[in-house]
Structures are given as C-alpha cells and as structure tokens.
Protein backbone atom coordinates (compact mmCIF):
# COMPACT_ATOMS: atom_id res chain seq x y z
CA MET A 1 -11.11 -5.44 73.77
CA LYS A 2 -11.92 -6.68 77.29
CA LYS A 3 -14.43 -9.21 75.95
CA ALA A 4 -11.94 -10.36 73.33
CA LEU A 5 -9.27 -10.94 75.99
CA ILE A 6 -11.75 -12.87 78.16
CA ALA A 7 -12.71 -15.01 75.16
CA LEU A 8 -9.05 -15.63 74.37
CA PHE A 9 -8.45 -16.72 77.97
CA ILE A 10 -11.47 -19.06 77.91
CA ALA A 11 -10.38 -20.59 74.59
CA SER A 12 -6.81 -21.11 75.81
CA LEU A 13 -7.93 -22.62 79.11
CA SER A 14 -10.48 -24.89 77.44
CA ILE A 15 -8.01 -26.14 74.84
CA ALA A 16 -5.46 -26.82 77.59
CA ILE A 17 -8.00 -28.78 79.66
CA TYR A 18 -9.12 -30.78 76.63
CA PHE A 19 -5.48 -31.44 75.70
CA PHE A 20 -4.65 -32.88 79.12
CA SER A 21 -7.96 -34.79 79.21
CA THR A 22 -7.40 -36.78 76.03
CA LYS A 23 -5.32 -39.88 75.51
CA ASN A 24 -2.00 -39.76 73.69
CA SER A 25 -3.16 -41.88 70.78
CA TYR A 26 -3.63 -41.55 67.05
CA GLN A 27 -7.21 -41.48 65.80
CA ASN A 28 -7.55 -44.12 63.08
CA LEU A 29 -11.27 -43.46 62.45
CA HIS A 30 -10.29 -40.27 60.68
CA TYR A 31 -12.43 -40.16 57.54
CA PHE A 32 -12.10 -36.39 57.23
CA THR A 33 -8.30 -36.30 57.19
CA PRO A 34 -7.92 -38.22 53.90
CA LEU A 35 -10.89 -36.28 52.53
CA ALA A 36 -9.12 -33.00 53.35
CA LYS A 37 -6.07 -34.34 51.50
CA SER A 38 -8.30 -35.12 48.51
CA PHE A 39 -9.76 -31.62 48.58
CA LEU A 40 -6.22 -30.22 48.41
CA GLN A 41 -5.72 -32.40 45.33
CA ALA A 42 -9.04 -31.22 43.81
CA LYS A 43 -10.64 -34.66 44.27
CA LEU A 44 -13.77 -35.89 46.05
CA ASP A 45 -12.83 -39.56 46.44
CA VAL A 46 -10.31 -41.04 48.88
CA GLU A 47 -7.99 -44.00 48.92
CA PRO A 48 -9.56 -47.05 50.64
CA SER A 49 -8.22 -48.02 54.05
CA PRO A 50 -8.89 -51.03 56.33
CA GLN A 51 -9.72 -48.70 59.24
CA LEU A 52 -12.33 -46.78 57.25
CA ASN A 53 -15.01 -49.44 56.92
CA GLU A 54 -17.85 -47.05 56.07
CA LEU A 55 -16.43 -45.73 52.82
CA VAL A 56 -18.89 -45.94 49.94
CA PRO A 57 -17.60 -47.70 46.80
CA PHE A 58 -19.15 -46.19 43.69
CA GLN A 59 -17.98 -46.62 40.10
CA ASP A 60 -14.49 -47.81 41.09
CA LYS A 61 -13.95 -44.97 43.56
CA HIS A 62 -14.41 -44.65 47.32
CA TYR A 63 -16.21 -41.77 49.01
CA VAL A 64 -16.66 -40.50 52.56
CA VAL A 65 -20.38 -40.57 53.19
CA TYR A 66 -20.54 -37.83 55.82
CA PRO A 67 -21.17 -34.15 54.97
CA PRO A 68 -17.89 -32.45 54.00
CA MET A 69 -17.51 -29.38 56.23
CA PRO A 70 -15.32 -31.06 58.89
CA ALA A 71 -12.90 -32.01 56.10
CA VAL A 72 -12.90 -28.38 54.93
CA ALA A 73 -12.03 -27.34 58.50
CA LEU A 74 -9.12 -29.80 58.40
CA VAL A 75 -7.69 -28.50 55.12
CA PRO A 76 -5.33 -25.95 56.78
CA PHE A 77 -4.07 -28.57 59.25
CA VAL A 78 -3.46 -31.17 56.54
CA ALA A 79 -1.86 -28.57 54.28
CA VAL A 80 0.65 -27.69 57.01
CA PHE A 81 1.17 -31.01 58.82
CA GLY A 82 0.39 -33.52 56.09
CA GLU A 83 -1.97 -36.47 55.80
CA THR A 84 -0.74 -38.04 59.05
CA PHE A 85 -2.17 -35.14 61.07
CA ASN A 86 -4.06 -36.44 64.10
CA GLN A 87 -7.70 -35.42 63.65
CA LYS A 88 -8.29 -35.27 67.41
CA TRP A 89 -6.08 -32.17 67.80
CA ALA A 90 -8.31 -30.22 65.43
CA SER A 91 -11.33 -31.42 67.41
CA ILE A 92 -9.80 -30.13 70.64
CA ILE A 93 -8.89 -26.73 69.16
CA ILE A 94 -12.32 -26.20 67.58
CA ALA A 95 -14.06 -27.34 70.77
CA GLY A 96 -12.04 -24.88 72.86
CA LEU A 97 -12.90 -22.05 70.47
CA SER A 98 -16.56 -23.07 70.70
CA VAL A 99 -16.56 -22.63 74.49
CA ALA A 100 -15.11 -19.11 74.14
CA LEU A 101 -17.62 -18.15 71.45
CA PHE A 102 -20.44 -19.45 73.61
CA TYR A 103 -19.38 -17.08 76.41
CA LEU A 104 -19.67 -14.20 73.93
CA LEU A 105 -23.08 -15.47 72.81
CA LEU A 106 -24.35 -15.60 76.39
CA ASP A 107 -23.52 -11.90 76.65
CA ARG A 108 -26.45 -11.37 74.24
CA PHE A 109 -28.82 -13.27 76.53
CA THR A 110 -27.96 -12.13 80.06
CA THR A 111 -26.01 -9.49 81.94
CA LYS A 112 -25.48 -11.68 85.01
CA LYS A 113 -21.86 -12.83 85.16
CA TRP A 114 -22.56 -15.89 87.31
CA ILE A 115 -24.97 -17.19 84.66
CA LYS A 116 -22.52 -16.52 81.81
CA VAL A 117 -19.62 -18.19 83.59
CA SER A 118 -21.61 -21.17 84.88
CA LEU A 119 -23.31 -21.93 81.56
CA THR A 120 -20.05 -21.56 79.65
CA ALA A 121 -18.49 -24.09 82.02
CA LEU A 122 -21.57 -26.29 81.66
CA LEU A 123 -21.30 -26.48 77.87
CA GLY A 124 -17.56 -27.05 77.90
CA PHE A 125 -17.25 -29.49 80.78
CA GLY A 126 -20.70 -30.45 82.08
CA THR A 127 -22.24 -31.97 78.95
CA ASN A 128 -21.24 -34.80 76.63
CA PHE A 129 -19.62 -32.14 74.44
CA TYR A 130 -16.58 -32.55 76.73
CA PHE A 131 -16.18 -36.29 76.10
CA THR A 132 -17.13 -35.97 72.43
CA SER A 133 -14.40 -33.36 71.84
CA LEU A 134 -11.55 -35.58 73.00
CA SER A 135 -11.58 -38.65 70.78
CA GLY A 136 -11.58 -37.14 67.32
CA THR A 137 -13.52 -39.93 65.60
CA SER A 138 -15.23 -38.59 62.52
CA TRP A 139 -18.71 -38.96 64.05
CA TYR A 140 -17.67 -36.96 67.11
CA PHE A 141 -15.65 -34.42 65.13
CA ALA A 142 -18.70 -33.68 62.98
CA HIS A 143 -20.62 -32.81 66.15
CA VAL A 144 -17.83 -30.55 67.37
CA CYS A 145 -17.78 -28.66 64.06
CA ALA A 146 -21.57 -28.37 64.06
CA VAL A 147 -21.57 -26.89 67.58
CA PHE A 148 -18.85 -24.41 66.59
CA PHE A 149 -20.69 -23.19 63.49
CA SER A 150 -24.07 -23.17 65.29
CA ILE A 151 -22.69 -20.84 67.95
CA LEU A 152 -21.22 -18.55 65.28
CA SER A 153 -24.56 -18.50 63.47
CA LEU A 154 -26.42 -17.54 66.67
CA LEU A 155 -23.83 -14.91 67.54
CA LEU A 156 -24.14 -13.31 64.10
CA ALA A 157 -27.95 -13.49 64.18
CA SER A 158 -27.97 -11.60 67.47
CA SER A 159 -25.67 -9.04 65.80
CA LYS A 160 -28.16 -8.63 62.91
CA ARG A 161 -25.85 -10.12 60.26
CA PRO A 162 -28.34 -12.21 58.24
CA PHE A 163 -26.11 -13.36 55.40
CA LEU A 164 -23.25 -14.40 57.68
CA SER A 165 -25.66 -16.04 60.12
CA GLY A 166 -27.15 -18.05 57.27
CA LEU A 167 -23.69 -18.85 55.95
CA PHE A 168 -22.61 -20.37 59.25
CA LEU A 169 -25.92 -22.20 59.65
CA GLY A 170 -25.08 -23.66 56.25
CA ALA A 171 -21.63 -24.64 57.54
CA SER A 172 -23.28 -26.32 60.53
CA PHE A 173 -25.65 -28.14 58.16
CA LEU A 174 -22.64 -29.32 56.12
CA SER A 175 -21.24 -30.76 59.35
CA ARG A 176 -24.43 -32.30 60.79
CA LEU A 177 -27.49 -32.16 58.54
CA PRO A 178 -30.15 -31.88 61.31
CA THR A 179 -28.76 -28.57 62.57
CA ILE A 180 -30.29 -26.70 59.64
CA LEU A 181 -33.57 -27.08 61.53
CA ASN A 182 -32.28 -24.65 64.17
CA PHE A 183 -33.37 -21.82 61.87
CA PRO A 184 -36.45 -20.57 63.82
CA ILE A 185 -34.41 -19.05 66.67
CA LEU A 186 -32.03 -17.49 64.15
CA LEU A 187 -34.90 -15.80 62.34
CA TYR A 188 -36.33 -14.62 65.65
CA LEU A 189 -33.01 -13.07 66.67
CA LEU A 190 -32.62 -11.45 63.25
CA PHE A 191 -36.15 -10.01 63.27
CA GLU A 192 -36.05 -8.96 66.92
CA LYS A 193 -36.32 -5.15 67.19
CA ILE A 194 -36.15 -4.79 63.39
CA ASP A 195 -38.73 -2.70 61.53
CA LYS A 196 -41.19 -4.81 59.55
CA LYS A 197 -40.24 -3.01 56.35
CA ASN A 198 -36.67 -4.31 56.68
CA ARG A 199 -37.57 -7.92 57.42
CA ALA A 200 -37.93 -8.95 53.77
CA GLY A 201 -34.34 -7.95 53.09
CA VAL A 202 -33.12 -9.71 56.21
CA LEU A 203 -34.97 -12.89 55.25
CA THR A 204 -33.68 -12.75 51.67
CA ASN A 205 -30.06 -12.44 52.78
CA PHE A 206 -30.39 -15.21 55.35
CA CYS A 207 -32.13 -17.62 52.98
CA ALA A 208 -29.68 -16.90 50.16
CA ALA A 209 -26.80 -18.05 52.35
CA VAL A 210 -28.63 -21.14 53.59
CA PHE A 211 -29.70 -22.12 50.07
CA LEU A 212 -26.10 -21.72 48.95
CA ALA A 213 -25.09 -24.43 51.45
CA ILE A 214 -27.94 -26.67 50.29
CA ILE A 215 -26.91 -26.20 46.66
CA ILE A 216 -23.28 -26.99 47.52
CA TYR A 217 -24.35 -30.19 49.26
CA GLY A 218 -26.57 -31.15 46.32
CA LEU A 219 -23.70 -30.62 43.87
CA TYR A 220 -21.37 -32.54 46.18
CA ASN A 221 -23.78 -35.48 46.06
CA PHE A 222 -24.23 -35.17 42.30
CA PHE A 223 -20.52 -35.25 41.53
CA ARG A 224 -20.10 -38.27 43.83
CA PHE A 225 -23.20 -40.36 43.14
CA GLY A 226 -24.91 -38.79 40.12
CA SER A 227 -27.90 -37.47 42.09
CA VAL A 228 -28.35 -34.34 44.21
CA ALA A 229 -30.60 -36.29 46.57
CA GLU A 230 -28.28 -39.28 47.10
CA THR A 231 -26.34 -38.73 50.33
CA GLY A 232 -24.73 -42.16 50.19
CA TYR A 233 -25.79 -43.45 53.61
CA SER A 234 -27.82 -46.31 52.19
CA LEU A 235 -24.89 -47.21 49.89
CA ILE A 236 -22.54 -48.10 52.78
CA PRO A 237 -21.80 -51.81 52.17
CA GLY A 238 -23.98 -54.06 54.32
CA ILE A 239 -25.54 -51.27 56.36
CA MET A 240 -29.11 -51.89 55.19
CA ASP A 241 -28.73 -55.57 56.15
CA GLU A 242 -28.19 -54.67 59.80
CA PRO A 243 -31.28 -55.34 61.97
CA TRP A 244 -31.79 -51.80 63.27
CA PHE A 245 -32.20 -50.55 59.67
CA SER A 246 -35.17 -52.82 59.04
CA LYS A 247 -37.34 -49.89 57.94
CA GLY A 248 -34.66 -47.74 56.34
CA VAL A 249 -32.42 -45.03 57.75
CA PHE A 250 -35.31 -42.91 59.10
CA ASP A 251 -38.71 -44.02 60.31
CA PHE A 252 -41.08 -42.89 63.06
CA SER A 253 -41.16 -46.47 64.35
CA TYR A 254 -37.63 -45.80 65.68
CA LEU A 255 -38.94 -43.01 67.92
CA PHE A 256 -39.38 -45.18 71.02
CA ARG A 257 -35.85 -46.62 70.96
CA ASN A 258 -34.36 -43.12 70.67
CA LEU A 259 -36.57 -41.71 73.42
CA LYS A 260 -35.54 -44.64 75.60
CA ALA A 261 -31.86 -43.95 74.84
CA ALA A 262 -32.26 -40.25 75.62
CA PHE A 263 -34.33 -40.60 78.80
CA ALA A 264 -34.24 -44.17 80.11
CA SER A 265 -30.67 -45.43 79.62
CA PHE A 266 -28.80 -45.82 82.89
CA PRO A 267 -25.18 -46.44 83.88
CA GLN A 268 -23.94 -49.44 85.80
CA ILE A 269 -23.56 -48.66 89.51
CA SER A 270 -21.36 -50.75 91.81
CA THR A 271 -19.87 -50.52 95.31
CA HIS A 272 -16.30 -50.85 94.02
CA PHE A 273 -14.20 -49.00 91.47
CA PRO A 274 -15.11 -47.69 88.96
CA TYR A 275 -18.48 -47.28 90.79
CA PHE A 276 -20.22 -45.48 87.92
CA VAL A 277 -19.77 -46.80 84.37
CA PRO A 278 -21.91 -45.37 81.57
CA SER A 279 -23.28 -47.62 78.88
CA ASN A 280 -21.63 -47.32 75.46
CA TYR A 281 -25.16 -47.57 74.08
CA ALA A 282 -26.44 -44.35 75.70
CA THR A 283 -26.93 -42.54 78.98
CA ALA A 284 -29.99 -40.44 79.78
CA ILE A 285 -29.31 -36.75 79.20
CA TYR A 286 -30.44 -35.77 82.72
CA ILE A 287 -27.81 -38.16 84.11
CA SER A 288 -25.00 -36.97 81.85
CA THR A 289 -26.04 -33.36 82.57
CA PRO A 290 -28.27 -33.07 85.68
CA ALA A 291 -28.48 -29.28 85.28
CA LEU A 292 -30.80 -29.86 82.33
CA VAL A 293 -33.61 -30.82 84.73
CA LEU A 294 -34.05 -27.08 85.33
CA LEU A 295 -35.43 -26.82 81.80
CA LEU A 296 -38.68 -28.12 83.29
CA LEU A 297 -39.02 -24.88 85.28
CA THR A 298 -38.76 -22.60 82.25
CA LYS A 299 -41.84 -20.51 81.55
CA ILE A 300 -42.69 -20.10 77.86
CA ARG A 301 -43.50 -16.41 78.01
CA GLU A 302 -40.36 -14.93 76.50
CA GLY A 303 -40.28 -15.00 72.68
CA ARG A 304 -36.71 -16.23 72.68
CA VAL A 305 -37.67 -19.22 74.83
CA LEU A 306 -40.56 -20.16 72.55
CA PHE A 307 -38.40 -20.10 69.43
CA LEU A 308 -35.53 -21.90 71.15
CA ILE A 309 -37.94 -24.70 72.11
CA LEU A 310 -39.38 -24.80 68.58
CA SER A 311 -35.86 -25.10 67.16
CA VAL A 312 -35.00 -27.89 69.60
CA ILE A 313 -38.12 -29.84 68.63
CA LEU A 314 -37.41 -29.52 64.92
CA SER A 315 -33.69 -30.35 65.08
CA SER A 316 -34.29 -33.31 67.40
CA LEU A 317 -36.65 -35.07 64.99
CA PRO A 318 -34.00 -36.52 62.62
CA GLY A 319 -32.11 -38.03 65.55
CA LEU A 320 -35.25 -39.35 67.21
CA THR A 321 -36.36 -41.08 63.99
CA HIS A 322 -32.91 -42.43 63.06
CA ALA A 323 -32.37 -46.17 62.93
CA THR A 324 -29.53 -46.11 65.46
CA VAL A 325 -29.28 -44.12 68.67
CA GLY A 326 -25.74 -42.91 67.95
CA PHE A 327 -23.74 -45.54 69.85
CA THR A 328 -21.02 -45.72 70.92
CA GLN A 329 -21.20 -42.59 73.03
CA PHE A 330 -21.49 -40.96 76.41
CA GLY A 331 -24.91 -39.48 76.98
CA TYR A 332 -27.08 -39.20 73.89
CA ARG A 333 -24.85 -37.64 71.25
CA PHE A 334 -27.64 -36.63 68.89
CA SER A 335 -28.53 -34.06 71.57
CA LEU A 336 -25.38 -32.19 70.48
CA ASP A 337 -27.38 -31.05 67.44
CA TYR A 338 -29.28 -28.76 69.80
CA ILE A 339 -27.31 -28.71 73.07
CA VAL A 340 -26.41 -25.05 72.58
CA LEU A 341 -30.10 -24.19 72.36
CA LEU A 342 -30.93 -26.17 75.49
CA ILE A 343 -28.28 -24.32 77.47
CA LEU A 344 -29.54 -20.97 76.16
CA ILE A 345 -32.97 -21.89 77.53
CA LEU A 346 -31.28 -22.51 80.88
CA VAL A 347 -30.43 -18.78 80.99
CA PHE A 348 -34.09 -18.12 81.74
CA SER A 349 -34.34 -21.06 84.16
CA PHE A 350 -31.27 -19.87 86.09
CA GLN A 351 -32.68 -16.37 86.35
CA LYS A 352 -35.79 -17.86 87.91
CA VAL A 353 -34.27 -20.30 90.43
CA GLY A 354 -31.15 -18.33 91.39
CA TRP A 355 -27.55 -19.41 91.95
CA LYS A 356 -28.18 -21.41 95.13
CA ILE A 357 -30.03 -24.05 93.12
CA ALA A 358 -28.39 -23.64 89.71
CA LEU A 359 -24.72 -23.72 90.67
CA PRO A 360 -24.79 -27.03 92.60
CA LEU A 361 -26.41 -28.72 89.59
CA VAL A 362 -23.76 -27.25 87.30
CA GLY A 363 -21.08 -28.54 89.69
CA ILE A 364 -22.60 -32.03 89.75
CA SER A 365 -22.81 -32.04 85.94
CA ILE A 366 -19.15 -31.09 85.63
CA ALA A 367 -18.13 -33.69 88.23
CA ILE A 368 -19.96 -36.47 86.33
CA ASN A 369 -18.36 -35.54 83.03
CA LEU A 370 -14.91 -35.20 84.59
CA TYR A 371 -15.27 -38.70 86.03
CA VAL A 372 -16.33 -40.13 82.67
CA VAL A 373 -13.33 -38.47 81.03
CA TYR A 374 -11.15 -40.00 83.77
CA LEU A 375 -12.55 -43.44 82.88
CA TYR A 376 -11.85 -42.68 79.24
CA LYS A 377 -8.23 -41.87 80.03
CA LEU A 378 -7.90 -45.12 81.96
CA GLY A 379 -9.27 -47.03 78.97
CA ILE A 380 -12.33 -48.22 80.91
CA PHE A 381 -14.85 -46.34 78.77
CA GLY A 382 -15.02 -45.14 75.17
CA TYR A 383 -12.62 -45.52 72.26
C-alpha cells in the first residue's frame, strides 16, 4: 500500500509538471486520434487530412503507416471526448504514469532510496523523454507509449509473470517496432533464480505472448496492404525520392550519420539569450543527459548489466541503420527505444561512484532539459 501511494504521488506530480510545461495548443500532427476513431467504427483506414501528409493511399483508402498501439491507447479518450481530443494530453498522462512505474521497477534493482529517487527524476525530467512527452506529435507519442509498455514488461518480468511480460513487450513493439529487441533482459529477469526445469514453461508463455503481437501486426498489415510483411513505410508518397533514402529505409551505410547524430551533434552556444539552443537535427545524448557518461564506469560483471547492454545493442541497431536520424527532436530520440535500459544500467554505476558524483550530474541533466522545455514554451525550439 505504501509503494502504491508513493507511485500515485509520483504519477500525479509528474503529470502536473508535464501539464504546466507544455504549450496550450492543439496538436495537428495527430495521426493516432483519427485512427482511434476508425477503430471505434471497426475500420482500419482514416479520412485524409491536409495536416496528415504521411498517410498512405492504397486502393482508394488512406492508412496511418505507424504501428497501431498508440491509437489503441487513445480509444478510451476518443470514445469519451470525441475525435477532437488533443493527443498531447494522453501523451502527458501516459508519460506521468511511466515515471511512477519506473520508480516501482527500480525497487527491483536497488534498495538505496537516493538511487531510486534520483534515477526516477532522471528519466522523467533529465532525459529527452521530458521534451518528447509534451508535444504529442504522433512520432513522439509512439515513443511515450513504447516507454510505458517497456517499463511494464520489465516490471512483470522481474515479478516472474512471463505471459504478461511478453504481452506488454508486444504492446511496446506495436508502438515502436525496435523495442521488441529488448527481449534478452526480459528473459534474464524471468529465468533469474528459476529452476532449470521450469524455464521451458516460462519461455513458452513469454514467446506465445510476443508471437501474438507479431501475428496481430502481420494481420494488420495484411488487411491494409495485402501482405503481412508490408508495413507501408516505403508507400508514403514521395518518401523514397528524398535524398536520405537513397539506399532504402534501412542500410548499414547510414550508420555513420546516426552515430554522428547521437554522439557528435552540438547545440549553438552564444553569449546572449537564449545562450544554449539545441539543433532540431539532433543533440548528442551525453549533452542532453550528462549523467549518462557514468555508463562508462559500469563493470560488466553482474548478469543483469550484461543482458541490459546486450538488449541496448540489439534495440539500437534499427535506429542506427535508419535513413533519417529522427529529426526534428531534442537529443537523439531513437535512444528512447532503450533509454529505460540505459538508466537501469546507471543503478550499478551510481552504486559504484556514490551520490557525491552521481547527484550533481543528475541535477545538471535536469537543468538542461528544463531549459530546453523553457525554450519550447517560448516557441524558440521545437514544434
């Protein structure tokens, strides 16, 4: 009961902070809102709109190309408030709940309160998750949903609930496809301290749930485009004519540009206001979240650390080989596919370096993200 009350407090506080951090504007890039309306009408296509320029026309109908889970999350909101519901409010609510769930997840990784509190604050307000949660564009909202479901999946894996853990990994996959590659740490948590004779059953239950999500996505593609393998990305009008797609949607030749975006993209610095202005193209992750530099001090001796790192490597590959780097954005938004895992690794780094080093870096990270959100509210940066 005490943990539940703490989580409720964290969720309420986070939602309130996000609410006062956003701009009072309607989000027009709201692909998932009309899709939620269509789901309520038992349809998969949506009505075309001038604002939604990435709809895929196919056989006289128009489809939202992105995986459908964020629209499913919006169904209750659209059912109650109608098709004019502002998608950003759902983003803020789900983001606030994610911060609270992450605090509960950290309880499975450390008993030290200062680490739990500081890393919860870091996820919510010291990473680009903060900025991403506020706008409500469909690209950002998909990340918010993926983070929410990823945390639930990890929480259930640590509670030895294989089917539910797989189910929520599937929900994360149906929000952001690369997150399905987070599975190694989930399997490690599920197998941890479990007799070998019981592991086959655990694996079967987990895989059954994950395969269910994959089957649903395949059927979703089939009923839209006539093929289980056709996601629709290459069918977006004109997209393959754009120069950064010269070798398709994914190619290892794009690796350098994504690594440069993630690690060598710098903000503009000046001696007058606004002093520090991030690039809409990207900002290096150690600038958007300086606390992440402590990852370099992590020793790969603990099994959890090894499998967290393996999961990060796997889930980062689709983003690193994608034709675009995710612009426009603050930070490198593809890192949100595995940001929860990176912060869980920081548990072990923080235990090593202590609060005198860790807490100042968390404070600096939060200060940077607060300033970027301030620029966003002023209309200087972002949508």
